[in-house]
């Protein structure tokens, strides 16, 4: 995630790294890079062997767009996304919260 953070900083984003529990995803109001890890790699490991990065882009208080290149972006309700992650056994997620004055509307 350090490489992503450095790249985002060089593009002018303000970046804050956090580890959020799944319920806290509902409070994200800025574009964010999430590292989704298999449940066995989540607790207490900061350098997992593998994981999957996605971008979470909040659209409003109920919906988010998930960008997962090269797939098309998908829009979900935040409740659906949280239920899906819980069902998969994912409870904590490393996140890079990104903000930029030019992204605010």
N, C-alpha and C. Protein backbone atom coordinates (compact mmCIF):
# COMPACT_ATOMS: atom_id res chain seq x y z
N UNK A 1 0.81 -1.19 0.00
CA UNK A 1 0.00 0.00 0.00
C UNK A 1 0.86 1.26 0.00
N UNK A 2 2.08 1.13 0.42
CA UNK A 2 2.97 2.29 0.45
C UNK A 2 3.18 2.85 -0.96
N UNK A 3 3.28 1.96 -1.95
CA UNK A 3 3.46 2.41 -3.33
C UNK A 3 2.24 3.19 -3.80
N UNK A 4 1.03 2.70 -3.46
CA UNK A 4 -0.19 3.42 -3.82
C UNK A 4 -0.23 4.78 -3.14
N UNK A 5 0.11 4.81 -1.86
CA UNK A 5 0.10 6.07 -1.12
C UNK A 5 1.05 7.07 -1.76
N UNK A 6 2.26 6.63 -2.10
CA UNK A 6 3.23 7.52 -2.74
C UNK A 6 2.72 8.04 -4.08
N UNK A 7 2.13 7.16 -4.87
CA UNK A 7 1.61 7.57 -6.17
C UNK A 7 0.47 8.58 -6.01
N UNK A 8 -0.43 8.33 -5.07
CA UNK A 8 -1.55 9.24 -4.84
C UNK A 8 -1.07 10.61 -4.35
N UNK A 9 -0.07 10.61 -3.46
CA UNK A 9 0.50 11.87 -2.98
C UNK A 9 1.12 12.66 -4.14
N UNK A 10 1.81 11.96 -5.04
CA UNK A 10 2.45 12.64 -6.17
C UNK A 10 1.43 13.22 -7.15
N UNK A 11 0.19 12.69 -7.13
CA UNK A 11 -0.88 13.21 -7.98
C UNK A 11 -1.66 14.34 -7.32
N UNK A 12 -1.27 14.70 -6.10
CA UNK A 12 -1.91 15.82 -5.43
C UNK A 12 -3.01 15.45 -4.44
N UNK A 13 -3.19 14.17 -4.19
CA UNK A 13 -4.19 13.76 -3.21
C UNK A 13 -3.63 13.91 -1.80
N UNK A 14 -4.50 14.17 -0.87
CA UNK A 14 -4.17 14.02 0.54
C UNK A 14 -4.56 12.60 0.88
N UNK A 15 -3.69 11.86 1.55
CA UNK A 15 -3.92 10.44 1.79
C UNK A 15 -3.76 10.13 3.27
N UNK A 16 -4.71 9.38 3.79
CA UNK A 16 -4.65 8.94 5.18
C UNK A 16 -4.83 7.43 5.20
N UNK A 17 -3.86 6.72 5.74
CA UNK A 17 -3.94 5.26 5.85
C UNK A 17 -4.63 4.89 7.16
N UNK A 18 -5.59 3.97 7.07
CA UNK A 18 -6.29 3.49 8.25
C UNK A 18 -6.62 2.02 8.06
N UNK A 19 -6.93 1.37 9.16
CA UNK A 19 -7.46 0.01 9.11
C UNK A 19 -8.87 0.10 9.70
N UNK A 20 -9.87 -0.09 8.86
CA UNK A 20 -11.25 0.07 9.27
C UNK A 20 -11.94 -1.28 9.42
N UNK A 21 -12.91 -1.33 10.32
CA UNK A 21 -13.75 -2.53 10.33
C UNK A 21 -14.82 -2.34 9.27
N UNK A 22 -15.44 -3.41 8.89
CA UNK A 22 -16.39 -3.38 7.78
C UNK A 22 -17.50 -2.37 8.01
N UNK A 23 -18.01 -2.25 9.22
CA UNK A 23 -19.09 -1.30 9.49
C UNK A 23 -18.67 0.14 9.25
N UNK A 24 -17.40 0.45 9.46
CA UNK A 24 -16.91 1.82 9.26
C UNK A 24 -16.88 2.23 7.79
N UNK A 25 -16.96 1.27 6.87
CA UNK A 25 -17.00 1.60 5.45
C UNK A 25 -18.20 2.49 5.13
N UNK A 26 -19.29 2.36 5.88
CA UNK A 26 -20.49 3.17 5.65
C UNK A 26 -20.22 4.64 5.88
N UNK A 27 -19.17 4.98 6.61
CA UNK A 27 -18.86 6.38 6.92
C UNK A 27 -17.87 7.02 5.95
N UNK A 28 -17.35 6.27 5.01
CA UNK A 28 -16.38 6.80 4.05
C UNK A 28 -17.09 7.76 3.10
N UNK A 29 -16.56 8.97 2.98
CA UNK A 29 -17.14 9.99 2.11
C UNK A 29 -16.16 10.47 1.04
N UNK A 30 -14.99 9.85 0.97
CA UNK A 30 -14.00 10.24 -0.03
C UNK A 30 -13.59 8.99 -0.81
N UNK A 31 -13.09 9.16 -2.03
CA UNK A 31 -12.58 8.01 -2.76
C UNK A 31 -11.50 7.32 -1.92
N UNK A 32 -11.49 5.99 -1.96
CA UNK A 32 -10.57 5.24 -1.11
C UNK A 32 -10.06 4.00 -1.84
N UNK A 33 -8.83 3.65 -1.55
CA UNK A 33 -8.25 2.40 -2.05
C UNK A 33 -8.34 1.39 -0.92
N UNK A 34 -8.98 0.26 -1.19
CA UNK A 34 -9.15 -0.79 -0.19
C UNK A 34 -8.29 -1.99 -0.56
N UNK A 35 -7.66 -2.58 0.42
CA UNK A 35 -6.93 -3.83 0.22
C UNK A 35 -7.78 -4.93 0.87
N UNK A 36 -8.47 -5.69 0.03
CA UNK A 36 -9.33 -6.76 0.53
C UNK A 36 -8.49 -8.02 0.61
N UNK A 37 -8.40 -8.55 1.83
CA UNK A 37 -7.57 -9.72 2.10
C UNK A 37 -8.42 -10.91 2.46
N UNK A 38 -7.94 -12.11 2.18
CA UNK A 38 -8.64 -13.29 2.67
C UNK A 38 -8.69 -13.25 4.20
N UNK A 39 -9.75 -13.75 4.80
CA UNK A 39 -9.90 -13.65 6.27
C UNK A 39 -8.69 -14.12 7.07
N UNK A 40 -8.00 -15.16 6.63
CA UNK A 40 -6.87 -15.67 7.42
C UNK A 40 -5.68 -14.73 7.44
N UNK A 41 -5.64 -13.74 6.53
CA UNK A 41 -4.52 -12.80 6.48
C UNK A 41 -4.84 -11.46 7.12
N UNK A 42 -6.03 -11.28 7.65
CA UNK A 42 -6.43 -9.95 8.10
C UNK A 42 -5.87 -9.55 9.45
N UNK A 43 -5.94 -10.41 10.42
CA UNK A 43 -5.63 -10.01 11.79
C UNK A 43 -4.13 -9.98 12.05
N UNK A 44 -3.64 -8.80 12.37
CA UNK A 44 -2.27 -8.66 12.85
C UNK A 44 -1.18 -8.76 11.81
N UNK A 45 -1.51 -8.77 10.52
CA UNK A 45 -0.47 -8.83 9.48
C UNK A 45 -0.53 -7.59 8.64
N UNK A 46 0.59 -6.91 8.52
CA UNK A 46 0.63 -5.70 7.73
C UNK A 46 1.26 -5.94 6.35
N UNK A 47 1.89 -7.07 6.14
CA UNK A 47 2.49 -7.37 4.84
C UNK A 47 1.99 -8.73 4.36
N UNK A 48 0.71 -8.79 3.93
CA UNK A 48 0.16 -10.07 3.52
C UNK A 48 0.81 -10.60 2.24
N UNK A 49 0.73 -11.91 2.07
CA UNK A 49 1.30 -12.53 0.88
C UNK A 49 0.51 -12.14 -0.37
N UNK A 50 -0.80 -11.94 -0.23
CA UNK A 50 -1.62 -11.56 -1.38
C UNK A 50 -2.89 -10.89 -0.89
N UNK A 51 -3.52 -10.19 -1.80
CA UNK A 51 -4.77 -9.50 -1.51
C UNK A 51 -5.28 -8.92 -2.82
N UNK A 52 -6.32 -8.13 -2.74
CA UNK A 52 -6.92 -7.57 -3.94
C UNK A 52 -7.27 -6.11 -3.68
N UNK A 53 -6.80 -5.21 -4.52
CA UNK A 53 -7.07 -3.79 -4.37
C UNK A 53 -8.28 -3.39 -5.19
N UNK A 54 -9.15 -2.57 -4.61
CA UNK A 54 -10.26 -1.97 -5.32
C UNK A 54 -10.36 -0.51 -4.88
N UNK A 55 -11.00 0.30 -5.70
CA UNK A 55 -11.28 1.68 -5.33
C UNK A 55 -12.76 1.78 -4.99
N UNK A 56 -13.03 2.38 -3.85
CA UNK A 56 -14.40 2.61 -3.40
C UNK A 56 -14.68 4.10 -3.59
N UNK A 57 -15.70 4.42 -4.39
CA UNK A 57 -16.02 5.81 -4.69
C UNK A 57 -17.45 6.08 -4.23
N UNK A 58 -17.61 6.77 -3.10
CA UNK A 58 -18.96 7.06 -2.60
C UNK A 58 -19.73 7.97 -3.57
N UNK A 59 -20.96 7.60 -3.86
CA UNK A 59 -21.81 8.41 -4.73
C UNK A 59 -22.75 9.29 -3.92
N UNK A 60 -23.27 8.73 -2.84
CA UNK A 60 -24.11 9.46 -1.90
C UNK A 60 -24.08 8.67 -0.59
N UNK A 61 -24.99 8.94 0.32
CA UNK A 61 -24.93 8.28 1.63
C UNK A 61 -25.34 6.81 1.58
N UNK A 62 -25.99 6.38 0.51
CA UNK A 62 -26.44 4.99 0.42
C UNK A 62 -25.71 4.15 -0.63
N UNK A 63 -25.04 4.79 -1.59
CA UNK A 63 -24.46 4.03 -2.70
C UNK A 63 -22.98 4.32 -2.89
N UNK A 64 -22.26 3.29 -3.33
CA UNK A 64 -20.84 3.42 -3.66
C UNK A 64 -20.59 2.78 -5.01
N UNK A 65 -19.60 3.29 -5.70
CA UNK A 65 -19.15 2.67 -6.94
C UNK A 65 -17.85 1.95 -6.61
N UNK A 66 -17.72 0.72 -7.08
CA UNK A 66 -16.51 -0.06 -6.88
C UNK A 66 -15.80 -0.15 -8.23
N UNK A 67 -14.56 0.33 -8.24
CA UNK A 67 -13.73 0.27 -9.45
C UNK A 67 -12.70 -0.83 -9.25
N UNK A 68 -12.70 -1.77 -10.16
CA UNK A 68 -11.85 -2.95 -10.06
C UNK A 68 -11.31 -3.28 -11.45
N UNK A 69 -10.38 -2.46 -11.91
CA UNK A 69 -9.83 -2.60 -13.25
C UNK A 69 -9.24 -3.99 -13.45
N UNK A 70 -9.44 -4.63 -14.57
CA UNK A 70 -10.01 -4.15 -15.83
C UNK A 70 -11.52 -4.36 -15.95
N UNK A 71 -12.17 -4.79 -14.89
CA UNK A 71 -13.62 -4.97 -14.94
C UNK A 71 -14.32 -3.61 -14.99
N UNK A 72 -15.55 -3.61 -15.46
CA UNK A 72 -16.35 -2.40 -15.44
C UNK A 72 -16.66 -2.03 -13.99
N UNK A 73 -16.87 -0.75 -13.74
CA UNK A 73 -17.24 -0.33 -12.40
C UNK A 73 -18.66 -0.82 -12.10
N UNK A 74 -18.93 -1.02 -10.81
CA UNK A 74 -20.23 -1.52 -10.37
C UNK A 74 -20.70 -0.63 -9.23
N UNK A 75 -22.00 -0.35 -9.22
CA UNK A 75 -22.58 0.45 -8.14
C UNK A 75 -23.40 -0.46 -7.23
N UNK A 76 -23.15 -0.33 -5.93
CA UNK A 76 -23.85 -1.12 -4.90
C UNK A 76 -24.40 -0.18 -3.84
N UNK A 77 -25.39 -0.67 -3.11
CA UNK A 77 -25.73 0.04 -1.89
C UNK A 77 -24.62 -0.29 -0.89
N UNK A 78 -24.30 0.64 -0.03
CA UNK A 78 -23.25 0.40 0.96
C UNK A 78 -23.66 -0.75 1.88
N UNK A 79 -24.97 -0.88 2.16
CA UNK A 79 -25.44 -1.99 2.99
C UNK A 79 -25.15 -3.33 2.33
N UNK A 80 -25.37 -3.42 1.01
CA UNK A 80 -25.09 -4.66 0.30
C UNK A 80 -23.60 -4.99 0.38
N UNK A 81 -22.74 -4.00 0.14
CA UNK A 81 -21.30 -4.23 0.18
C UNK A 81 -20.86 -4.72 1.56
N UNK A 82 -21.37 -4.10 2.61
CA UNK A 82 -21.01 -4.51 3.97
C UNK A 82 -21.48 -5.93 4.25
N UNK A 83 -22.71 -6.25 3.86
CA UNK A 83 -23.22 -7.63 4.06
C UNK A 83 -22.37 -8.64 3.31
N UNK A 84 -21.98 -8.31 2.08
CA UNK A 84 -21.16 -9.21 1.27
C UNK A 84 -19.81 -9.47 1.94
N UNK A 85 -19.17 -8.41 2.42
CA UNK A 85 -17.87 -8.58 3.07
C UNK A 85 -17.99 -9.39 4.36
N UNK A 86 -19.03 -9.14 5.13
CA UNK A 86 -19.26 -9.93 6.35
C UNK A 86 -19.47 -11.40 6.02
N UNK A 87 -20.27 -11.67 4.99
CA UNK A 87 -20.54 -13.05 4.59
C UNK A 87 -19.25 -13.76 4.18
N UNK A 88 -18.33 -13.01 3.57
CA UNK A 88 -17.05 -13.57 3.16
C UNK A 88 -16.08 -13.72 4.33
N UNK A 89 -16.48 -13.26 5.52
CA UNK A 89 -15.63 -13.38 6.69
C UNK A 89 -14.62 -12.26 6.83
N UNK A 90 -14.80 -11.19 6.08
CA UNK A 90 -13.86 -10.07 6.11
C UNK A 90 -14.36 -9.06 7.13
N UNK A 91 -13.54 -8.76 8.13
CA UNK A 91 -13.97 -7.86 9.20
C UNK A 91 -13.15 -6.57 9.26
N UNK A 92 -11.89 -6.60 8.87
CA UNK A 92 -11.03 -5.41 8.90
C UNK A 92 -10.38 -5.23 7.54
N UNK A 93 -10.26 -3.96 7.13
CA UNK A 93 -9.75 -3.69 5.79
C UNK A 93 -8.76 -2.52 5.86
N UNK A 94 -7.52 -2.71 5.37
CA UNK A 94 -6.61 -1.59 5.23
C UNK A 94 -7.14 -0.65 4.13
N UNK A 95 -7.14 0.65 4.41
CA UNK A 95 -7.75 1.63 3.51
C UNK A 95 -6.84 2.84 3.38
N UNK A 96 -6.76 3.37 2.17
CA UNK A 96 -6.15 4.67 1.93
C UNK A 96 -7.28 5.64 1.60
N UNK A 97 -7.58 6.55 2.52
CA UNK A 97 -8.61 7.55 2.29
C UNK A 97 -7.99 8.69 1.51
N UNK A 98 -8.60 9.07 0.39
CA UNK A 98 -8.03 10.06 -0.50
C UNK A 98 -8.95 11.28 -0.57
N UNK A 99 -8.35 12.45 -0.51
CA UNK A 99 -9.15 13.65 -0.72
C UNK A 99 -8.37 14.61 -1.59
N UNK A 100 -9.13 15.41 -2.32
CA UNK A 100 -8.54 16.39 -3.23
C UNK A 100 -9.61 17.44 -3.48
N UNK A 101 -9.25 18.70 -3.36
CA UNK A 101 -10.22 19.76 -3.57
C UNK A 101 -10.93 19.64 -4.92
N UNK A 102 -10.23 19.18 -5.94
CA UNK A 102 -10.81 19.08 -7.28
C UNK A 102 -11.85 17.97 -7.40
N UNK A 103 -11.87 17.01 -6.44
CA UNK A 103 -12.82 15.91 -6.50
C UNK A 103 -14.14 16.24 -5.82
N UNK A 104 -14.16 17.28 -5.03
CA UNK A 104 -15.38 17.62 -4.29
C UNK A 104 -16.34 18.34 -5.21
N UNK A 105 -17.61 17.95 -5.08
CA UNK A 105 -18.61 18.62 -5.93
C UNK A 105 -19.66 19.31 -5.11
